[in-house]
Amino acid sequence: MRRMKKLASILLCLLLVVSMLAACKKEEKNEATDSPNATQAPAEESKENETPAKEEQIELTLGIWPEETLTAEIELHKQYVEEFEKTHPNVKVVPAYYKYAVDTFVPKAEAGTLPVIFETWYTDTQKLINGGFVADITDELEKRGWIDEINPSIKELMSKDGRVYGIPRDGYALGLMLNVELFEQAGLVDSEGLPIYPKTWDELAQTAKTIKDKTGAAGLCLLAMDNAGGWHFSNIAWNFGATLTLVDENGKYIANLDTPEAIEAMEFVKSLKWEYDVLTADPTVENWGTGFTQLGTGGAAMYMAANDAVNQPTYNNGLPVDKLALVPMPAGPRGDQYSLSGGTPYMFSKDATPEQISAALDYLVLMGKGPVLNEDGIRANNQYCVDNGIPVIPRFPAWASEELKAAEDALVAEYSNVDMRLYNDYFNILKKPGNLRQEEPGATQEMYAQLTNVLQAVVTDKNADVAALMKQANENYQRILDTTVNNQ
């Protein structure tokens, strides 16, 4: 019994010791972690010892990356990427060249394989917006203060219900590109060596014939392969007095392809083939790219093109930088003289995140393409042009800021590598009120396709009935309008 009492006493003592130790441990814990006055330093020390959270990595696929044949331009973009990554270490830039095409775009968009940023056509921006294929970038543009910097007429093309879905890469206006070497060989230069270019379409036919007779080269490269043929023809038709699409009082589009003026313009094109014989061997295989090849390699002396593509006949096709001229579109028989005006917008995949869109816009600023003056980016691009035999000429304004345009023009003058007398008449005509004309509204690309069908017929069949062909094209186009845009 005494032994049991002794054992109980020992156990009780042990319990008291354990309780005291537990109490002491709890008190130490309170002193270390619970007291407001005692926890600040240890807590900061703990944070200092933590590994900083890694910034989320962003993949930026650039559909605006140059195609693989443009090796010098790729090297320029590699320099951009190197600079970009210094300020955007969490962004992985992935080259993803994509040339917009109607037949490839929708499948890529629906499959979610579009690059974050890509270029398209102003004629198709509303289709892409209405189809839900592109991202709304309004909030990001507002943060940057870019909304009001976009040329208002261009912004309208990329907007719906007050929201904006793209920004301009640049603008363009069609003119007539000349291979000055062929003009020299044909004796069509003045006392100062400047080309004597045609001021009217009738003069163009005569000039083209002189060049063909004296050099053997085609006087003009006319496109009749794809929609670009109808695109170019629309500018010819305007200068003959035509308007190709009308809008009624209810806002419905009306095809207007078979007016006397439009038929007269197509008859003129037919004459270039069968009366003057001044076109390349087969216009039905000539597209936008081959036209520059013909011009740059001496296959043709004249080609309808714009200021944003002076690299094509020169750097891409070997024409010396001082042997390219860009002059106004010829006037029509009644004095009409328009320059088709458009441009290339940047748009963004519907699957792009806000972070990816923001990174893409930052990349554009680095390139000197945004409404923010980036002298380094512009200088790098101008030097690239000088180094690669590309004319350094003024950019067609896509942004509203006159101050930005003046600064860019000053940098162009600093790097100028051409005689601007080969370009001045072109830029001066664009300033003439009413000269610039936006592409026809409606289903514009489908209209171009119908006109190209007629072009193909008139350059392959000497007996083609132009009036009948234009009437059929008009009926076809009206059906397209009624089943697409007019039923929305």
Protein backbone atom coordinates (compact mmCIF):
# COMPACT_ATOMS: atom_id res chain seq x y z
CA MET A 1 0.00 0.00 0.00
CA ARG A 2 2.80 2.41 0.93
CA ARG A 3 4.55 1.38 -2.29
CA MET A 4 1.46 2.28 -4.32
CA LYS A 5 1.21 5.69 -2.65
CA LYS A 6 4.85 6.35 -3.44
CA LEU A 7 4.34 5.44 -7.09
CA ALA A 8 1.30 7.72 -7.30
CA SER A 9 3.34 10.55 -5.79
CA ILE A 10 6.06 10.08 -8.45
CA LEU A 11 3.51 10.10 -11.27
CA LEU A 12 1.93 13.25 -9.90
CA CYS A 13 5.29 14.98 -9.78
CA LEU A 14 6.01 13.95 -13.35
CA LEU A 15 2.65 15.36 -14.47
CA LEU A 16 3.39 18.65 -12.73
CA VAL A 17 6.79 18.88 -14.44
CA VAL A 18 5.27 18.16 -17.87
CA SER A 19 2.59 20.79 -17.29
CA MET A 20 5.17 23.36 -16.27
CA LEU A 21 7.31 22.63 -19.31
CA ALA A 22 4.27 22.93 -21.58
CA ALA A 23 3.34 26.25 -19.98
CA CYS A 24 6.88 27.54 -20.43
CA LYS A 25 6.91 26.44 -24.07
CA LYS A 26 3.60 28.18 -24.72
CA GLU A 27 4.88 31.35 -23.07
CA GLU A 28 8.01 31.27 -25.24
CA LYS A 29 5.81 30.87 -28.32
CA ASN A 30 3.73 33.87 -27.30
CA GLU A 31 6.80 35.97 -26.82
CA ALA A 32 8.14 34.97 -30.22
CA THR A 33 5.01 35.14 -32.38
CA ASP A 34 1.97 36.60 -30.70
CA SER A 35 3.16 39.86 -29.15
CA PRO A 36 2.71 42.80 -31.60
CA ASN A 37 5.85 44.42 -30.27
CA ALA A 38 7.95 41.34 -30.47
CA THR A 39 6.94 39.92 -33.85
CA GLN A 40 7.85 42.72 -36.31
CA ALA A 41 11.56 42.03 -36.64
CA PRO A 42 11.29 38.21 -36.84
CA ALA A 43 8.48 38.54 -39.40
CA GLU A 44 10.56 40.82 -41.66
CA GLU A 45 13.49 38.50 -41.28
CA SER A 46 11.28 35.66 -42.44
CA LYS A 47 10.22 37.58 -45.57
CA GLU A 48 13.80 38.43 -46.41
CA ASN A 49 14.69 34.77 -46.30
CA GLU A 50 11.80 33.80 -48.61
CA THR A 51 12.46 33.25 -52.37
CA PRO A 52 10.67 36.02 -54.32
CA ALA A 53 7.63 34.84 -56.27
CA LYS A 54 8.55 34.30 -59.92
CA GLU A 55 6.72 36.63 -62.31
CA GLU A 56 4.27 34.75 -64.52
CA GLN A 57 5.73 33.93 -67.90
CA ILE A 58 3.89 35.21 -70.97
CA GLU A 59 4.22 33.79 -74.46
CA LEU A 60 3.94 36.42 -77.18
CA THR A 61 3.44 34.89 -80.63
CA LEU A 62 4.24 37.48 -83.29
CA GLY A 63 2.28 37.01 -86.49
CA ILE A 64 3.99 40.20 -87.66
CA TRP A 65 7.35 38.42 -87.79
CA PRO A 66 8.89 38.70 -91.31
CA GLU A 67 8.56 35.78 -93.70
CA GLU A 68 11.65 33.60 -93.89
CA THR A 69 12.89 35.05 -97.19
CA LEU A 70 13.33 38.51 -95.64
CA THR A 71 16.54 37.66 -93.83
CA ALA A 72 17.69 41.24 -93.19
CA GLU A 73 14.29 42.18 -91.77
CA ILE A 74 14.41 39.12 -89.52
CA GLU A 75 17.77 40.31 -88.18
CA LEU A 76 16.17 43.68 -87.43
CA HIS A 77 13.42 41.97 -85.46
CA LYS A 78 15.98 39.94 -83.56
CA GLN A 79 17.45 43.25 -82.41
CA TYR A 80 13.99 44.39 -81.36
CA VAL A 81 13.53 41.19 -79.36
CA GLU A 82 16.89 41.63 -77.63
CA GLU A 83 15.90 45.14 -76.53
CA PHE A 84 12.37 44.06 -75.65
CA GLU A 85 13.51 41.26 -73.36
CA LYS A 86 15.61 43.68 -71.30
CA THR A 87 12.43 45.38 -70.07
CA HIS A 88 10.14 42.34 -70.38
CA PRO A 89 12.08 39.43 -68.88
CA ASN A 90 8.85 37.52 -68.25
CA VAL A 91 7.82 37.58 -71.93
CA LYS A 92 8.92 34.88 -74.34
CA VAL A 93 8.73 36.19 -77.90
CA VAL A 94 7.85 33.49 -80.43
CA PRO A 95 8.17 34.22 -84.17
CA ALA A 96 4.91 33.13 -85.81
CA TYR A 97 4.76 34.68 -89.30
CA TYR A 98 1.19 34.75 -90.61
CA LYS A 99 -0.02 36.29 -93.86
CA TYR A 100 -3.71 36.98 -93.57
CA ALA A 101 -5.89 35.20 -96.11
CA VAL A 102 -9.65 34.75 -96.16
CA ASP A 103 -9.44 30.98 -96.66
CA THR A 104 -6.99 30.33 -93.80
CA PHE A 105 -8.15 32.80 -91.19
CA VAL A 106 -11.43 31.33 -89.91
CA PRO A 107 -10.06 27.77 -89.44
CA LYS A 108 -7.09 29.13 -87.50
CA ALA A 109 -9.31 31.40 -85.39
CA GLU A 110 -11.75 28.61 -84.56
CA ALA A 111 -8.90 26.24 -83.72
CA GLY A 112 -7.31 28.84 -81.43
CA THR A 113 -4.04 28.81 -83.38
CA LEU A 114 -3.89 32.45 -84.43
CA PRO A 115 -0.83 34.38 -83.23
CA VAL A 116 -1.44 36.97 -80.53
CA ILE A 117 -0.96 39.82 -83.01
CA PHE A 118 -1.38 39.75 -86.78
CA GLU A 119 -2.05 42.01 -89.75
CA THR A 120 -5.21 41.99 -91.87
CA TRP A 121 -7.07 44.29 -94.29
CA TYR A 122 -9.30 47.22 -93.41
CA THR A 123 -11.97 45.79 -95.70
CA ASP A 124 -12.25 42.73 -93.46
CA THR A 125 -12.06 44.23 -89.97
CA GLN A 126 -15.83 44.34 -89.46
CA LYS A 127 -16.16 40.71 -90.54
CA LEU A 128 -13.57 39.67 -87.97
CA ILE A 129 -15.25 41.75 -85.26
CA ASN A 130 -18.75 40.47 -86.06
CA GLY A 131 -17.48 36.90 -86.17
CA GLY A 132 -16.03 37.21 -82.67
CA PHE A 133 -12.57 36.30 -83.93
CA VAL A 134 -10.62 39.27 -82.53
CA ALA A 135 -10.04 40.74 -79.09
CA ASP A 136 -11.58 43.95 -77.76
CA ILE A 137 -8.57 46.10 -76.85
CA THR A 138 -10.44 49.24 -75.78
CA ASP A 139 -9.48 49.08 -72.10
CA GLU A 140 -5.78 48.70 -72.83
CA LEU A 141 -5.84 51.55 -75.37
CA GLU A 142 -7.63 53.80 -72.87
CA LYS A 143 -4.99 53.06 -70.22
CA ARG A 144 -2.32 54.18 -72.66
CA GLY A 145 -4.23 57.22 -73.92
CA TRP A 146 -4.14 55.88 -77.49
CA ILE A 147 -7.86 55.94 -78.33
CA ASP A 148 -7.98 59.56 -79.47
CA GLU A 149 -4.63 59.27 -81.24
CA ILE A 150 -6.03 57.00 -83.98
CA ASN A 151 -7.07 58.72 -87.18
CA PRO A 152 -10.90 58.96 -86.74
CA SER A 153 -11.80 57.47 -90.12
CA ILE A 154 -9.45 54.56 -89.53
CA LYS A 155 -10.72 54.02 -85.99
CA GLU A 156 -14.26 53.71 -87.32
CA LEU A 157 -13.20 50.79 -89.49
CA MET A 158 -11.93 48.92 -86.43
CA SER A 159 -14.77 49.73 -84.02
CA LYS A 160 -18.20 48.42 -83.11
CA ASP A 161 -20.64 49.75 -80.50
CA GLY A 162 -18.02 52.13 -79.17
CA ARG A 163 -15.42 49.42 -78.65
CA VAL A 164 -12.12 49.24 -80.53
CA TYR A 165 -10.58 46.03 -81.86
CA GLY A 166 -7.40 47.11 -83.60
CA ILE A 167 -4.87 49.84 -84.28
CA PRO A 168 -3.33 51.00 -87.56
CA ARG A 169 0.04 49.71 -88.70
CA ASP A 170 0.17 52.36 -91.36
CA GLY A 171 -1.82 53.86 -94.17
CA TYR A 172 -1.34 53.79 -97.90
CA ALA A 173 -2.63 55.40 -101.07
CA LEU A 174 -2.32 53.80 -104.49
CA GLY A 175 -0.13 55.45 -107.07
CA LEU A 176 1.86 54.36 -110.08
CA MET A 177 5.27 52.82 -109.47
CA LEU A 178 7.81 53.24 -112.25
CA ASN A 179 10.94 51.33 -113.21
CA VAL A 180 13.07 54.37 -114.06
CA GLU A 181 15.64 52.25 -115.91
CA LEU A 182 13.03 51.26 -118.49
CA PHE A 183 11.88 54.86 -118.87
CA GLU A 184 15.51 55.82 -119.50
CA GLN A 185 15.95 53.08 -122.08
CA ALA A 186 12.77 54.22 -123.84
CA GLY A 187 13.94 57.85 -123.88
CA LEU A 188 11.09 58.93 -121.62
CA VAL A 189 13.08 61.18 -119.28
CA ASP A 190 13.41 64.96 -119.13
CA SER A 191 16.58 67.08 -119.23
CA GLU A 192 17.21 66.34 -115.54
CA GLY A 193 16.83 62.60 -115.98
CA LEU A 194 13.44 62.41 -114.31
CA PRO A 195 10.85 60.07 -115.86
CA ILE A 196 8.15 61.64 -118.04
CA TYR A 197 5.25 59.79 -116.52
CA PRO A 198 1.64 59.58 -117.81
CA LYS A 199 -0.84 62.07 -116.32
CA THR A 200 -3.96 60.44 -117.80
CA TRP A 201 -5.02 56.89 -118.61
CA ASP A 202 -4.83 57.67 -122.32
CA GLU A 203 -1.24 58.85 -121.83
CA LEU A 204 -0.55 55.66 -119.86
CA ALA A 205 -1.57 53.54 -122.85
CA GLN A 206 0.67 55.59 -125.16
CA THR A 207 3.60 55.57 -122.73
CA ALA A 208 3.26 51.82 -122.19
CA LYS A 209 3.31 51.24 -125.96
CA THR A 210 6.43 53.35 -126.40
CA ILE A 211 8.20 51.35 -123.69
CA LYS A 212 7.08 48.02 -125.17
CA ASP A 213 8.22 49.05 -128.67
CA LYS A 214 11.60 50.39 -127.55
CA THR A 215 12.59 47.96 -124.79
CA GLY A 216 10.51 44.83 -125.31
CA ALA A 217 9.31 45.01 -121.71
CA ALA A 218 5.64 45.22 -120.80
CA GLY A 219 4.47 48.77 -120.32
CA LEU A 220 2.17 47.83 -117.43
CA CYS A 221 1.72 44.88 -115.11
CA LEU A 222 -2.02 44.39 -114.65
CA LEU A 223 -3.30 41.97 -112.01
CA ALA A 224 -6.01 39.47 -112.97
CA MET A 225 -5.30 36.48 -110.73
CA ASP A 226 -7.05 37.11 -107.43
CA ASN A 227 -8.95 39.80 -105.52
CA ALA A 228 -6.06 42.24 -105.97
CA GLY A 229 -7.13 42.55 -109.60
CA GLY A 230 -10.55 43.88 -108.62
CA TRP A 231 -8.92 46.06 -105.97
CA HIS A 232 -6.72 47.80 -108.54
CA PHE A 233 -9.53 48.00 -111.08
CA SER A 234 -11.79 49.83 -108.62
CA ASN A 235 -9.32 52.74 -108.62
CA ILE A 236 -9.27 52.79 -112.43
CA ALA A 237 -13.08 52.75 -112.46
CA TRP A 238 -13.31 55.69 -110.05
CA ASN A 239 -11.07 57.73 -112.33
CA PHE A 240 -13.46 56.96 -115.19
CA GLY A 241 -16.29 58.37 -113.04
CA ALA A 242 -17.72 55.16 -111.59
CA THR A 243 -18.99 54.42 -108.10
CA LEU A 244 -19.24 50.67 -107.62
CA THR A 245 -21.49 50.36 -104.55
CA LEU A 246 -24.41 52.53 -103.48
CA VAL A 247 -26.26 52.72 -100.15
CA ASP A 248 -30.04 53.27 -100.12
CA GLU A 249 -32.11 55.21 -97.58
CA ASN A 250 -32.43 52.09 -95.42
CA GLY A 251 -28.68 51.52 -95.27
CA LYS A 252 -28.81 48.57 -97.68
CA TYR A 253 -26.01 48.14 -100.20
CA ILE A 254 -26.73 48.22 -103.93
CA ALA A 255 -24.33 46.78 -106.52
CA ASN A 256 -23.39 49.34 -109.16
CA LEU A 257 -20.85 47.55 -111.34
CA ASP A 258 -22.58 47.86 -114.71
CA THR A 259 -22.83 51.63 -115.13
CA PRO A 260 -21.58 53.21 -118.37
CA GLU A 261 -18.54 54.59 -116.51
CA ALA A 262 -17.57 51.21 -115.05
CA ILE A 263 -18.03 49.53 -118.42
CA GLU A 264 -15.91 52.23 -120.07
CA ALA A 265 -13.12 51.57 -117.56
CA MET A 266 -13.22 47.83 -118.26
CA GLU A 267 -13.24 48.48 -122.03
CA PHE A 268 -10.07 50.54 -121.50
CA VAL A 269 -8.42 47.64 -119.68
CA LYS A 270 -9.40 45.34 -122.52
CA SER A 271 -7.76 47.73 -124.99
CA LEU A 272 -4.46 47.52 -123.11
CA LYS A 273 -4.37 43.85 -124.04
CA TRP A 274 -5.89 43.70 -127.52
CA GLU A 275 -5.31 47.16 -129.00
CA TYR A 276 -2.06 48.33 -127.43
CA ASP A 277 -0.61 44.93 -126.39
CA VAL A 278 1.32 46.42 -123.48
CA LEU A 279 0.57 43.96 -120.66
CA THR A 280 2.72 41.12 -119.35
CA ALA A 281 2.31 37.79 -121.14
CA ASP A 282 -0.47 36.44 -118.92
CA PRO A 283 -2.18 38.80 -116.45
CA THR A 284 -4.22 35.89 -115.06
CA VAL A 285 -1.10 34.64 -113.25
CA GLU A 286 -0.12 38.07 -111.93
CA ASN A 287 -0.82 38.77 -108.27
CA TRP A 288 0.30 41.43 -105.80
CA GLY A 289 3.71 39.85 -105.33
CA THR A 290 4.48 38.98 -108.95
CA GLY A 291 3.62 42.55 -109.94
CA PHE A 292 6.57 43.78 -107.88
CA THR A 293 8.76 41.07 -109.37
CA GLN A 294 7.86 42.23 -112.87
CA LEU A 295 8.59 45.85 -111.94
CA GLY A 296 11.78 45.16 -110.02
CA THR A 297 13.37 42.80 -112.54
CA GLY A 298 12.51 44.87 -115.61
CA GLY A 299 9.60 42.76 -116.84
CA ALA A 300 7.26 45.76 -116.69
CA ALA A 301 7.76 49.52 -116.52
CA MET A 302 4.66 50.50 -114.52
CA TYR A 303 2.62 48.94 -111.71
CA MET A 304 -0.14 50.26 -109.47
CA ALA A 305 1.18 50.19 -105.90
CA ALA A 306 1.54 52.23 -102.73
CA ASN A 307 4.09 53.95 -100.53
CA ASP A 308 4.10 51.16 -97.96
CA ALA A 309 5.57 48.64 -100.41
CA VAL A 310 8.69 50.33 -101.78
CA ASN A 311 10.76 47.47 -100.35
CA GLN A 312 9.15 45.02 -102.76
CA PRO A 313 10.67 46.06 -106.12
CA THR A 314 13.94 47.14 -104.50
CA TYR A 315 15.13 44.90 -101.66
CA ASN A 316 12.97 41.92 -102.63
CA ASN A 317 13.53 42.08 -106.39
CA GLY A 318 16.79 43.92 -107.00
CA LEU A 319 15.78 47.29 -108.47
CA PRO A 320 18.42 49.89 -107.47
CA VAL A 321 17.10 52.28 -104.85
CA ASP A 322 17.54 55.29 -107.15
CA LYS A 323 15.67 53.66 -110.06
CA LEU A 324 12.22 53.51 -108.45
CA ALA A 325 9.68 56.31 -108.70
CA LEU A 326 6.17 56.63 -107.26
CA VAL A 327 3.86 59.06 -109.07
CA PRO A 328 0.14 59.94 -108.93
CA MET A 329 -2.60 57.72 -110.30
CA PRO A 330 -3.54 58.94 -113.81
CA ALA A 331 -6.66 61.05 -114.22
CA GLY A 332 -9.65 59.74 -116.13
CA PRO A 333 -11.19 61.05 -119.37
CA ARG A 334 -13.34 63.61 -117.52
CA GLY A 335 -10.67 64.71 -115.08
CA ASP A 336 -11.56 62.44 -112.15
CA GLN A 337 -8.44 61.61 -110.16
CA TYR A 338 -8.62 59.53 -107.01
CA SER A 339 -6.08 57.58 -104.99
CA LEU A 340 -7.50 54.51 -103.28
CA SER A 341 -6.65 54.91 -99.61
CA GLY A 342 -6.46 52.17 -97.06
CA GLY A 343 -3.92 50.58 -94.83
CA THR A 344 -2.98 47.63 -92.70
CA PRO A 345 -4.38 47.22 -89.20
CA TYR A 346 -2.93 45.23 -86.34
CA MET A 347 -5.52 42.99 -84.69
CA PHE A 348 -5.33 40.48 -81.86
CA SER A 349 -6.55 36.93 -81.42
CA LYS A 350 -9.77 36.49 -79.43
CA ASP A 351 -7.80 34.05 -77.26
CA ALA A 352 -5.10 36.57 -76.35
CA THR A 353 -4.92 37.56 -72.68
CA PRO A 354 -4.77 41.20 -71.56
CA GLU A 355 -1.15 40.61 -70.57
CA GLN A 356 -0.29 39.29 -74.05
CA ILE A 357 -2.05 42.22 -75.73
CA SER A 358 -0.20 44.70 -73.51
CA ALA A 359 3.13 43.04 -74.34
CA ALA A 360 2.32 43.14 -78.07
CA LEU A 361 1.55 46.86 -77.89
CA ASP A 362 4.84 47.44 -76.08
CA TYR A 363 6.61 45.60 -78.90
CA LEU A 364 4.96 47.88 -81.47
CA VAL A 365 6.18 50.94 -79.56
CA LEU A 366 9.70 49.52 -79.66
CA MET A 367 9.35 49.15 -83.45
CA GLY A 368 8.25 52.78 -83.74
CA LYS A 369 4.77 51.77 -84.90
CA GLY A 370 2.62 53.21 -82.14
CA PRO A 371 1.50 56.80 -81.48
CA VAL A 372 4.48 57.24 -79.20
CA LEU A 373 7.61 58.71 -80.72
CA ASN A 374 10.40 56.18 -80.40
CA GLU A 375 13.38 57.69 -82.16
CA ASP A 376 15.53 54.61 -81.60
CA GLY A 377 12.98 52.33 -83.26
CA ILE A 378 12.48 54.67 -86.21
CA ARG A 379 16.21 55.21 -86.62
CA ALA A 380 16.81 51.46 -86.57
CA ASN A 381 14.19 50.95 -89.28
CA ASN A 382 15.54 53.82 -91.40
CA GLN A 383 19.08 52.50 -91.11
CA TYR A 384 17.84 49.05 -92.07
CA CYS A 385 16.33 50.59 -95.22
CA VAL A 386 19.55 52.44 -96.06
CA ASP A 387 21.64 49.31 -95.55
CA ASN A 388 19.35 47.20 -97.74
CA GLY A 389 18.62 49.52 -100.62
CA ILE A 390 15.05 50.41 -99.65
CA PRO A 391 13.81 53.97 -100.24
CA VAL A 392 13.45 56.00 -97.05
CA ILE A 393 10.32 58.05 -97.73
CA PRO A 394 7.61 59.63 -95.54
CA ARG A 395 5.07 57.36 -93.92
CA PHE A 396 1.39 57.82 -94.73
CA PRO A 397 -0.18 59.15 -91.48
CA ALA A 398 -2.26 56.59 -89.60
CA TRP A 399 -2.22 58.49 -86.30
CA ALA A 400 -3.80 61.88 -85.69
CA SER A 401 -0.82 63.60 -84.07
CA GLU A 402 0.73 66.25 -86.33
CA GLU A 403 3.62 66.51 -83.89
CA LEU A 404 4.39 62.80 -84.27
CA LYS A 405 4.19 63.04 -88.07
CA ALA A 406 6.55 66.04 -88.10
CA ALA A 407 9.08 64.21 -85.91
CA GLU A 408 8.93 61.11 -88.12
CA ASP A 409 9.35 63.21 -91.28
CA ALA A 410 12.42 64.87 -89.78
CA LEU A 411 13.96 61.44 -89.19
CA VAL A 412 13.11 60.43 -92.76
CA ALA A 413 14.90 63.51 -94.08
CA GLU A 414 17.93 62.67 -91.96
CA TYR A 415 18.23 59.20 -93.49
CA SER A 416 16.96 60.02 -97.00
CA ASN A 417 18.61 57.88 -99.68
CA VAL A 418 16.56 58.90 -102.75
CA ASP A 419 15.89 61.93 -104.91
CA MET A 420 12.51 63.01 -103.52
CA ARG A 421 11.61 64.50 -106.91
CA LEU A 422 10.79 60.90 -107.82
CA TYR A 423 8.09 60.95 -105.11
CA ASN A 424 7.03 64.56 -104.52
CA ASP A 425 4.19 64.65 -107.06
CA TYR A 426 2.70 61.53 -105.45
CA PHE A 427 2.74 62.99 -101.95
CA ASN A 428 1.46 66.35 -103.19
CA ILE A 429 -1.60 64.86 -104.94
CA LEU A 430 -2.58 63.12 -101.69
CA LYS A 431 -2.89 66.53 -100.04
CA LYS A 432 -5.38 67.70 -102.66
CA PRO A 433 -8.89 67.84 -101.13
CA GLY A 434 -11.01 64.92 -102.32
CA ASN A 435 -8.15 62.91 -103.82
CA LEU A 436 -8.08 60.19 -101.18
CA ARG A 437 -10.96 57.72 -101.43
CA GLN A 438 -11.72 54.84 -99.11
CA GLU A 439 -12.40 51.38 -100.50
CA GLU A 440 -15.98 50.65 -101.53
CA PRO A 441 -18.30 49.61 -98.69
CA GLY A 442 -20.39 46.45 -98.55
CA ALA A 443 -18.84 43.03 -99.16
CA THR A 444 -15.70 44.57 -100.60
CA GLN A 445 -13.54 41.48 -101.10
CA GLU A 446 -16.43 39.65 -102.77
CA MET A 447 -16.87 42.64 -105.10
CA TYR A 448 -13.19 42.46 -105.97
CA ALA A 449 -13.58 38.76 -106.80
CA GLN A 450 -16.44 39.47 -109.20
CA LEU A 451 -14.44 42.19 -110.95
CA THR A 452 -11.43 39.89 -111.24
CA ASN A 453 -13.63 37.35 -113.01
CA VAL A 454 -14.42 40.00 -115.62
CA LEU A 455 -10.75 41.01 -115.89
CA GLN A 456 -9.78 37.42 -116.58
CA ALA A 457 -12.38 37.19 -119.33
CA VAL A 458 -11.41 40.42 -121.11
CA VAL A 459 -7.66 39.68 -121.17
CA THR A 460 -8.13 36.13 -122.44
CA ASP A 461 -10.92 36.65 -124.98
CA LYS A 462 -10.61 39.34 -127.64
CA ASN A 463 -14.34 39.08 -128.32
CA ALA A 464 -15.45 39.31 -124.69
CA ASP A 465 -18.68 41.28 -124.26
CA VAL A 466 -17.72 43.71 -121.54
CA ALA A 467 -21.23 45.07 -120.95
CA ALA A 468 -22.69 41.59 -120.57
CA LEU A 469 -19.88 40.50 -118.24
CA MET A 470 -20.29 43.56 -116.03
CA LYS A 471 -24.06 43.02 -115.91
CA GLN A 472 -23.55 39.43 -114.75
CA ALA A 473 -20.94 40.52 -112.18
CA ASN A 474 -23.38 43.12 -110.88
CA GLU A 475 -26.16 40.53 -110.45
CA ASN A 476 -23.78 38.14 -108.72
CA TYR A 477 -22.57 40.86 -106.37
CA GLN A 478 -26.09 41.97 -105.51
CA ARG A 479 -26.96 38.40 -104.51
CA ILE A 480 -23.89 38.31 -102.28
CA LEU A 481 -24.84 41.62 -100.67
CA ASP A 482 -28.42 40.48 -100.07
CA THR A 483 -27.39 37.18 -98.48
CA THR A 484 -24.64 38.64 -96.31
CA VAL A 485 -24.49 42.26 -95.20
CA ASN A 486 -28.02 43.30 -96.24
CA ASN A 487 -29.75 40.64 -94.13
CA GLN A 488 -28.00 41.55 -90.87
